[in-house]
Every structure is written in structure tokens, then in C-alpha cells.
């Protein structure tokens, strides 16, 4: 492997910083500690940025580095968004990455994320021939797995914590577009529920689904697209009643469900779009092959052609904000 400083990289031409959204103070036998803070890293162009920033929410056992780089060391989607003129806020969801996790304080941990699960999710054997953009060798699979840790065992509580912290992040940064991936998808819907006036649009990349799905060893999307309760109209006394009801926070909300051509998630994406539109959103599927971008699986944000997969998303965000008068 060539030393990164010799191989080159992205020239730093941004403004950047970091901060935390604090968690609650709780008493323990060891003293007063903080529960589930949220780490935030931000970058912006050196000059003026678009008035509405992006908040990038990673999936499953990953962390914010899912957006900042690729397994082979190239710049990730976060850099490409900044180059397109956006300020971006990249979070480490509660209990992931630089957001500290102690099971006695946050919640019990789920199982560790194994190589077998990573291969099944990001490089399933049945899709190998079609998934031509996964060109990485074993050493890159190691790089993929290094940042992946366990999820909290209580999926609903994990989503609730994330959405509460992200709501307070939006209190700081103002109105933003949420860009989510995989198991970060439910967090996007719940953040909109917590701060509907602060979420301009949602680009959900390969979001968790289909509605009401069960995931052995992980949890269930009890409320349709979320495990944690989401506000329905009329109110749902039982989670099953959420099916077919409006979700006021999503009313008129622009949503793009982004899918790869070789991903199993593309098969159920229309059901997610239908659920969202029934709930009141203005949702559509952005299927990459429709843009001439083929061979992508679930990890399309960091596959070999990630510089191409991000372009339809950038175009959709710019068009969406332009339509509502959100850009200059």
C-alpha cells in the first residue's frame, strides 16, 4: 500500500470545524455522566455556501467516515457536496464513531458487525456479476469493516436518541437537507417529525425497508418506516394503524429515495415511496440506472464510481431548493 501522503489526496480548500450535541446528564455509581452525545464535523467552501446546508446521516454500524472517504482512500460524498457549494454537517450517530458509548449509560449493545454480514449487505454473492462497481480487494474490505461497530440492541431507542440530537443540531444550523444512508433512513423520517420546519428535503440513499419489515437480530420497523414512534394523523393507538395514515411532518416534503441498479434495496424502494406519498410527502425514486449509472449495490456512496453516484443527488437537491427559492 502506498503511503497516503505520497499517493496524493484532496487539497484542503475548505473551512471546517467540529462540536458535539450534548446528551442528558445522568447519575451513575461512578458519578454524573453524559448520555449519548452526538459528534458533528462540518466543512464548508472557502467562500459563500448555499444558504441551506446538508446534514449527512450514516447507516447501520458505520460512522461519519462513511461520507468522508472510501475504502480505497478517495474523497467521499461529503467532499463532493462541498465542491458543489454546500456546507455539510457529518454526524456520528449516538453510540457510533466519536460519539461515546457505554452500555450502562446509553443502552445495551447489540452484536458486533461481522465480515459475513458486511459481505451479505455490501457484496452479496447473488449480485456479484451485476455489481460491477465493487472493485475492491480483501484489504479494502478490511478498511470497510474497521469503522463498523455494534448498534444499540434497542433499535427504537437508538433512532429516538439520534432524532432528538439531530433536532437540536438543526436548532443550531437552521433549515437543512438531510442525506441519509441505509439504517440512517429511519432517523431522517424521525428528525423531520421532531423539527418539520427545519427539514427542507430528504435524500434517503438505500433506506431501510420495506415498511413494517422485521430484521432478525436487529429489530422491526414497527411504525412503518421507523422503529420509534412517529406522529400520525389521526393519531395511531397501535403501530399497525400507521399504515395509510398521514404523517404531518412529511406533508409536502420533497423526498428522493436513491437506489443502485444491483442492490436488493431497489426492489422494495417503490413500496417506501408509496408509503411516503400516502403519508403526504412528495417522494420519488432516483434509480441510478435511469441516469446511466450502473453496477452499484447497497454501498453506492463509497463504491468505485462514487464520484458519479453523487451527481444525481446533487442535481436533485439543487433543483429542489431552486424550486422553493432556497438557493441564489
Protein backbone atom coordinates (compact mmCIF):
# COMPACT_ATOMS: atom_id res chain seq x y z
CA UNK A 1 0.00 0.00 0.00
CA UNK A 2 1.35 3.41 -0.99
CA UNK A 3 1.67 5.90 1.85
CA UNK A 4 -1.32 8.26 1.63
CA UNK A 5 0.82 11.40 1.68
CA UNK A 6 2.74 10.07 -1.34
CA UNK A 7 -0.29 8.82 -3.24
CA UNK A 8 -1.90 12.24 -3.03
CA UNK A 9 -5.39 13.20 -1.98
CA UNK A 10 -7.82 16.06 -1.86
CA UNK A 11 -6.35 19.52 -1.50
CA UNK A 12 -7.76 21.16 1.62
CA UNK A 13 -9.63 24.23 0.41
CA UNK A 14 -12.44 24.31 2.96
CA UNK A 15 -13.46 25.85 6.23
CA UNK A 16 -14.01 23.15 8.83
CA UNK A 17 -14.70 22.53 12.47
CA UNK A 18 -16.34 20.18 14.95
CA UNK A 19 -18.57 20.17 18.01
CA UNK A 20 -20.91 17.92 19.97
CA UNK A 21 -24.64 18.00 20.61
CA UNK A 22 -24.60 17.04 24.30
CA UNK A 23 -26.61 14.21 25.80
CA UNK A 24 -28.52 14.26 29.06
CA UNK A 25 -26.69 14.32 32.37
CA UNK A 26 -27.42 11.12 34.29
CA UNK A 27 -26.35 9.86 37.69
CA UNK A 28 -24.37 6.63 37.95
CA UNK A 29 -22.45 4.90 40.72
CA UNK A 30 -19.33 6.46 39.21
CA UNK A 31 -20.73 10.00 39.24
CA UNK A 32 -22.62 12.24 36.85
CA UNK A 33 -22.03 11.37 33.20
CA UNK A 34 -23.40 12.33 29.82
CA UNK A 35 -25.71 10.01 27.90
CA UNK A 36 -25.29 9.60 24.16
CA UNK A 37 -23.80 12.86 22.86
CA UNK A 38 -23.71 13.36 19.09
CA UNK A 39 -20.42 14.26 17.38
CA UNK A 40 -20.64 16.72 14.49
CA UNK A 41 -17.93 17.52 11.95
CA UNK A 42 -18.59 20.33 9.49
CA UNK A 43 -16.99 21.57 6.30
CA UNK A 44 -17.88 24.44 4.00
CA UNK A 45 -16.49 26.08 0.87
CA UNK A 46 -13.85 28.77 1.50
CA UNK A 47 -16.25 31.44 0.19
CA UNK A 48 -20.02 31.68 0.23
CA UNK A 49 -22.02 28.45 0.58
CA UNK A 50 -25.59 27.66 -0.42
CA UNK A 51 -27.87 29.13 2.24
CA UNK A 52 -29.29 25.71 3.12
CA UNK A 53 -26.66 23.20 4.35
CA UNK A 54 -26.71 19.41 4.24
CA UNK A 55 -26.71 17.06 7.23
CA UNK A 56 -25.26 13.63 6.41
CA UNK A 57 -26.53 10.69 8.49
CA UNK A 58 -24.68 7.39 8.19
CA UNK A 59 -26.21 3.92 8.35
CA UNK A 60 -26.06 0.79 10.50
CA UNK A 61 -22.86 0.10 12.35
CA UNK A 62 -20.91 2.75 10.48
CA UNK A 63 -19.95 6.30 11.39
CA UNK A 64 -19.48 9.69 9.77
CA UNK A 65 -16.40 8.43 7.91
CA UNK A 66 -18.84 6.64 5.57
CA UNK A 67 -19.28 10.08 3.98
CA UNK A 68 -15.75 11.47 4.20
CA UNK A 69 -13.80 8.76 2.38
CA UNK A 70 -13.91 5.46 0.50
CA UNK A 71 -12.25 2.10 1.24
CA UNK A 72 -9.58 2.86 -1.37
CA UNK A 73 -8.80 6.28 0.09
CA UNK A 74 -10.61 8.63 -2.28
CA UNK A 75 -12.65 11.62 -1.07
CA UNK A 76 -16.22 10.69 -0.20
CA UNK A 77 -19.58 12.28 -0.88
CA UNK A 78 -19.06 14.95 1.79
CA UNK A 79 -16.17 16.43 -0.20
CA UNK A 80 -18.17 16.36 -3.43
CA UNK A 81 -21.05 18.17 -1.75
CA UNK A 82 -18.68 20.90 -0.52
CA UNK A 83 -17.22 21.20 -4.02
CA UNK A 84 -20.79 21.70 -5.25
CA UNK A 85 -21.08 24.69 -2.94
CA UNK A 86 -22.77 23.21 0.14
CA UNK A 87 -21.84 23.41 3.79
CA UNK A 88 -22.08 19.88 5.18
CA UNK A 89 -22.55 18.60 8.72
CA UNK A 90 -21.43 14.99 9.14
CA UNK A 91 -22.59 13.25 12.29
CA UNK A 92 -21.55 10.18 14.20
CA UNK A 93 -24.88 8.79 15.37
CA UNK A 94 -25.31 8.15 19.10
CA UNK A 95 -23.01 5.34 20.21
CA UNK A 96 -21.10 5.25 16.91
CA UNK A 97 -17.65 6.52 15.95
CA UNK A 98 -16.66 9.54 18.04
CA UNK A 99 -19.98 9.58 19.89
CA UNK A 100 -19.03 7.70 23.08
CA UNK A 101 -20.88 4.52 24.03
CA UNK A 102 -21.06 2.84 27.40
CA UNK A 103 -23.80 0.20 27.67
CA UNK A 104 -24.52 1.01 31.31
CA UNK A 105 -25.35 4.59 30.33
CA UNK A 106 -26.68 4.55 26.76
CA UNK A 107 -28.28 1.13 26.28
CA UNK A 108 -27.16 -2.49 25.93
CA UNK A 109 -25.06 -3.18 22.85
CA UNK A 110 -26.16 -5.42 20.04
CA UNK A 111 -23.89 -7.96 18.40
CA UNK A 112 -20.63 -6.90 16.73
CA UNK A 113 -20.74 -6.37 12.95
CA UNK A 114 -19.01 -9.38 11.30
CA UNK A 115 -17.39 -9.79 7.90
CA UNK A 116 -20.13 -12.20 6.90
CA UNK A 117 -22.83 -9.58 7.47
CA UNK A 118 -20.81 -6.94 5.63
CA UNK A 119 -20.39 -9.18 2.58
CA UNK A 120 -24.09 -10.11 2.60
CA UNK A 121 -25.06 -6.43 2.75
CA UNK A 122 -22.47 -4.76 0.55
CA UNK A 123 -21.36 -7.59 -1.76
CA UNK A 124 -23.98 -10.38 -1.83
CA UNK A 125 -22.88 -13.41 -3.79
CA UNK A 126 -26.08 -13.46 -5.85
CA UNK A 127 -25.39 -9.92 -7.13
CA UNK A 128 -21.66 -10.31 -7.76
CA UNK A 129 -21.92 -10.37 -11.56
CA UNK A 130 -24.21 -7.33 -11.69
CA UNK A 131 -22.38 -5.32 -9.03
CA UNK A 132 -19.54 -4.21 -11.25
CA UNK A 133 -18.70 -1.10 -9.22
CA UNK A 134 -17.46 -3.14 -6.26
CA UNK A 135 -13.87 -3.44 -7.46
CA UNK A 136 -12.20 -3.65 -4.06
CA UNK A 137 -9.82 -6.33 -2.85
CA UNK A 138 -9.59 -8.00 0.57
CA UNK A 139 -7.55 -5.15 2.05
CA UNK A 140 -10.33 -2.74 1.14
CA UNK A 141 -12.92 -4.96 2.81
CA UNK A 142 -10.76 -4.61 5.94
CA UNK A 143 -10.96 -0.84 5.53
CA UNK A 144 -14.74 -1.09 5.16
CA UNK A 145 -15.10 -3.10 8.39
CA UNK A 146 -12.68 -1.10 10.56
CA UNK A 147 -15.14 1.71 11.45
CA UNK A 148 -18.16 -0.55 11.88
CA UNK A 149 -19.28 -1.23 15.42
CA UNK A 150 -22.35 -2.65 17.15
CA UNK A 151 -25.71 -0.96 17.15
CA UNK A 152 -27.66 -0.46 20.35
CA UNK A 153 -29.76 -3.56 20.95
CA UNK A 154 -32.91 -1.42 21.23
CA UNK A 155 -33.36 -0.14 17.68
CA UNK A 156 -36.27 2.14 18.59
CA UNK A 157 -34.32 3.83 21.39
CA UNK A 158 -31.31 4.24 19.09
CA UNK A 159 -33.46 6.01 16.50
CA UNK A 160 -35.18 8.14 19.14
CA UNK A 161 -31.85 9.33 20.54
CA UNK A 162 -30.47 10.12 17.09
CA UNK A 163 -33.55 12.10 16.07
CA UNK A 164 -33.63 14.09 19.32
CA UNK A 165 -29.96 15.08 18.95
CA UNK A 166 -30.34 15.85 15.25
CA UNK A 167 -33.32 18.05 16.05
CA UNK A 168 -31.12 20.07 18.39
CA UNK A 169 -28.42 20.19 15.70
CA UNK A 170 -30.98 21.78 13.36
CA UNK A 171 -31.78 24.29 16.11
CA UNK A 172 -28.15 25.37 15.76
CA UNK A 173 -27.58 25.25 11.98
CA UNK A 174 -31.08 26.15 10.80
CA UNK A 175 -33.03 24.64 7.94
CA UNK A 176 -31.15 21.85 6.17
CA UNK A 177 -31.44 18.97 3.72
CA UNK A 178 -31.00 15.56 5.34
CA UNK A 179 -28.98 12.99 3.38
CA UNK A 180 -29.29 9.55 4.96
CA UNK A 181 -27.98 6.09 4.18
CA UNK A 182 -29.40 2.65 4.98
CA UNK A 183 -30.30 2.35 8.69
CA UNK A 184 -29.91 6.11 8.92
CA UNK A 185 -33.09 6.36 6.86
CA UNK A 186 -35.49 5.99 9.82
CA UNK A 187 -33.53 8.69 11.65
CA UNK A 188 -34.29 11.07 8.79
CA UNK A 189 -38.05 10.48 8.98
CA UNK A 190 -37.98 10.91 12.78
CA UNK A 191 -35.86 14.07 12.61
CA UNK A 192 -38.43 15.56 10.25
CA UNK A 193 -41.07 14.58 12.80
CA UNK A 194 -39.11 16.36 15.54
CA UNK A 195 -38.33 19.53 13.50
CA UNK A 196 -40.62 19.63 10.43
CA UNK A 197 -39.90 23.31 9.74
CA UNK A 198 -36.14 22.73 9.82
CA UNK A 199 -36.02 19.90 7.26
CA UNK A 200 -36.11 21.31 3.72
CA UNK A 201 -35.90 17.93 1.98
CA UNK A 202 -34.63 14.40 2.48
CA UNK A 203 -32.39 12.39 0.15
CA UNK A 204 -32.61 8.84 1.51
CA UNK A 205 -29.93 6.64 -0.04
CA UNK A 206 -30.89 2.95 0.05
CA UNK A 207 -33.11 3.48 3.11
CA UNK A 208 -34.05 0.70 5.49
CA UNK A 209 -37.26 -1.04 4.44
CA UNK A 210 -39.72 -2.14 3.23
CA UNK A 211 -42.43 -0.74 5.52
CA UNK A 212 -43.04 -2.81 8.67
CA UNK A 213 -40.09 -5.12 7.87
CA UNK A 214 -38.53 -7.33 10.52
CA UNK A 215 -34.74 -7.71 10.73
CA UNK A 216 -33.69 -10.76 12.75
CA UNK A 217 -31.23 -9.83 15.48
CA UNK A 218 -31.69 -6.12 14.78
CA UNK A 219 -35.31 -5.03 15.20
CA UNK A 220 -38.56 -4.20 13.42
CA UNK A 221 -39.83 -1.13 11.59
CA UNK A 222 -42.82 -1.13 13.91
CA UNK A 223 -44.22 2.23 12.75
CA UNK A 224 -43.86 1.59 9.03
CA UNK A 225 -40.51 3.14 8.20
CA UNK A 226 -39.31 3.61 11.78
CA UNK A 227 -38.93 1.52 14.92
CA UNK A 228 -39.54 4.52 17.18
CA UNK A 229 -42.98 6.11 17.24
CA UNK A 230 -43.72 8.74 14.60
CA UNK A 231 -46.63 11.20 14.74
CA UNK A 232 -49.64 10.21 12.64
CA UNK A 233 -52.89 11.97 11.76
CA UNK A 234 -55.27 10.81 13.06
CA UNK A 235 -53.18 9.56 15.99
CA UNK A 236 -52.37 5.85 15.87
CA UNK A 237 -53.12 3.98 19.06
CA UNK A 238 -51.29 0.97 17.72
CA UNK A 239 -48.23 0.94 15.41
CA UNK A 240 -50.05 -1.14 12.79
CA UNK A 241 -52.52 1.72 12.43
CA UNK A 242 -49.77 3.90 10.97
CA UNK A 243 -50.26 2.18 7.63
CA UNK A 244 -52.17 4.50 5.33
CA UNK A 245 -52.26 7.45 7.72
CA UNK A 246 -50.78 10.87 7.12
CA UNK A 247 -47.58 11.91 8.83
CA UNK A 248 -47.98 15.67 9.27
CA UNK A 249 -44.23 16.33 9.42
CA UNK A 250 -43.81 14.86 5.92
CA UNK A 251 -46.68 16.79 4.32
CA UNK A 252 -45.39 18.28 1.07
CA UNK A 253 -41.82 17.33 1.98
CA UNK A 254 -39.59 16.62 -1.07
CA UNK A 255 -38.03 13.16 -0.71
CA UNK A 256 -35.72 11.24 -3.04
CA UNK A 257 -35.21 7.52 -2.47
CA UNK A 258 -31.87 6.75 -4.15
CA UNK A 259 -31.12 3.17 -5.25
CA UNK A 260 -28.39 1.24 -7.02
CA UNK A 261 -29.07 -0.98 -10.00
CA UNK A 262 -27.54 -4.11 -8.44
CA UNK A 263 -28.98 -3.58 -4.96
CA UNK A 264 -31.74 -5.67 -3.43
CA UNK A 265 -32.97 -2.46 -1.78
CA UNK A 266 -34.09 -1.20 -5.20
CA UNK A 267 -36.72 -3.93 -5.30
CA UNK A 268 -38.69 -2.62 -2.33
CA UNK A 269 -37.94 1.09 -2.85
CA UNK A 270 -41.27 1.67 -4.68
CA UNK A 271 -43.09 0.47 -1.56
CA UNK A 272 -41.18 3.02 0.51
CA UNK A 273 -42.08 5.76 -2.00
CA UNK A 274 -45.73 4.70 -1.91
CA UNK A 275 -45.77 4.74 1.92
CA UNK A 276 -44.21 8.22 1.96
CA UNK A 277 -46.60 9.64 -0.62
CA UNK A 278 -49.59 8.19 1.20
CA UNK A 279 -48.23 9.87 4.33
CA UNK A 280 -48.23 13.19 2.45
CA UNK A 281 -44.67 13.55 1.19
CA UNK A 282 -43.68 14.37 -2.38
CA UNK A 283 -41.47 11.32 -2.86
CA UNK A 284 -39.84 9.80 -5.91
CA UNK A 285 -37.28 7.10 -6.59
CA UNK A 286 -33.93 8.09 -8.06
CA UNK A 287 -32.76 4.81 -9.57
CA UNK A 288 -29.17 5.24 -10.73
CA UNK A 289 -29.51 3.19 -13.96
CA UNK A 290 -32.10 5.75 -15.09
CA UNK A 291 -29.19 8.22 -15.09
CA UNK A 292 -26.86 5.86 -16.97
CA UNK A 293 -25.05 4.83 -13.76
CA UNK A 294 -24.95 1.05 -13.46
CA UNK A 295 -23.40 -1.71 -11.38
CA UNK A 296 -24.00 -0.27 -7.91
CA UNK A 297 -25.02 -2.09 -4.76
CA UNK A 298 -26.06 -1.00 -1.30
CA UNK A 299 -22.77 0.79 -0.60
CA UNK A 300 -23.10 3.09 -3.60
CA UNK A 301 -21.87 6.06 -1.55
CA UNK A 302 -18.38 4.56 -1.37
CA UNK A 303 -18.12 2.22 -4.35
CA UNK A 304 -15.62 2.70 -7.17
CA UNK A 305 -17.80 5.20 -9.06
CA UNK A 306 -18.91 7.21 -6.02
CA UNK A 307 -17.97 10.43 -7.81
CA UNK A 308 -20.67 9.55 -10.34
CA UNK A 309 -23.34 8.23 -7.97
CA UNK A 310 -23.40 11.51 -6.07
CA UNK A 311 -24.20 13.63 -9.14
CA UNK A 312 -27.93 12.83 -9.48
CA UNK A 313 -28.31 13.53 -5.77
CA UNK A 314 -26.59 16.91 -6.07
CA UNK A 315 -28.74 17.75 -9.09
CA UNK A 316 -31.93 16.73 -7.26
CA UNK A 317 -31.04 18.81 -4.18
CA UNK A 318 -30.18 21.87 -6.28
CA UNK A 319 -33.38 21.54 -8.33
CA UNK A 320 -35.49 21.03 -5.20
CA UNK A 321 -34.05 24.07 -3.42
CA UNK A 322 -34.28 26.18 -6.57
CA UNK A 323 -37.96 25.32 -6.94
CA UNK A 324 -38.69 26.52 -3.42
CA UNK A 325 -36.44 29.55 -3.68
CA UNK A 326 -33.80 28.13 -1.36
CA UNK A 327 -30.73 28.91 -3.44
CA UNK A 328 -29.32 32.01 -5.02
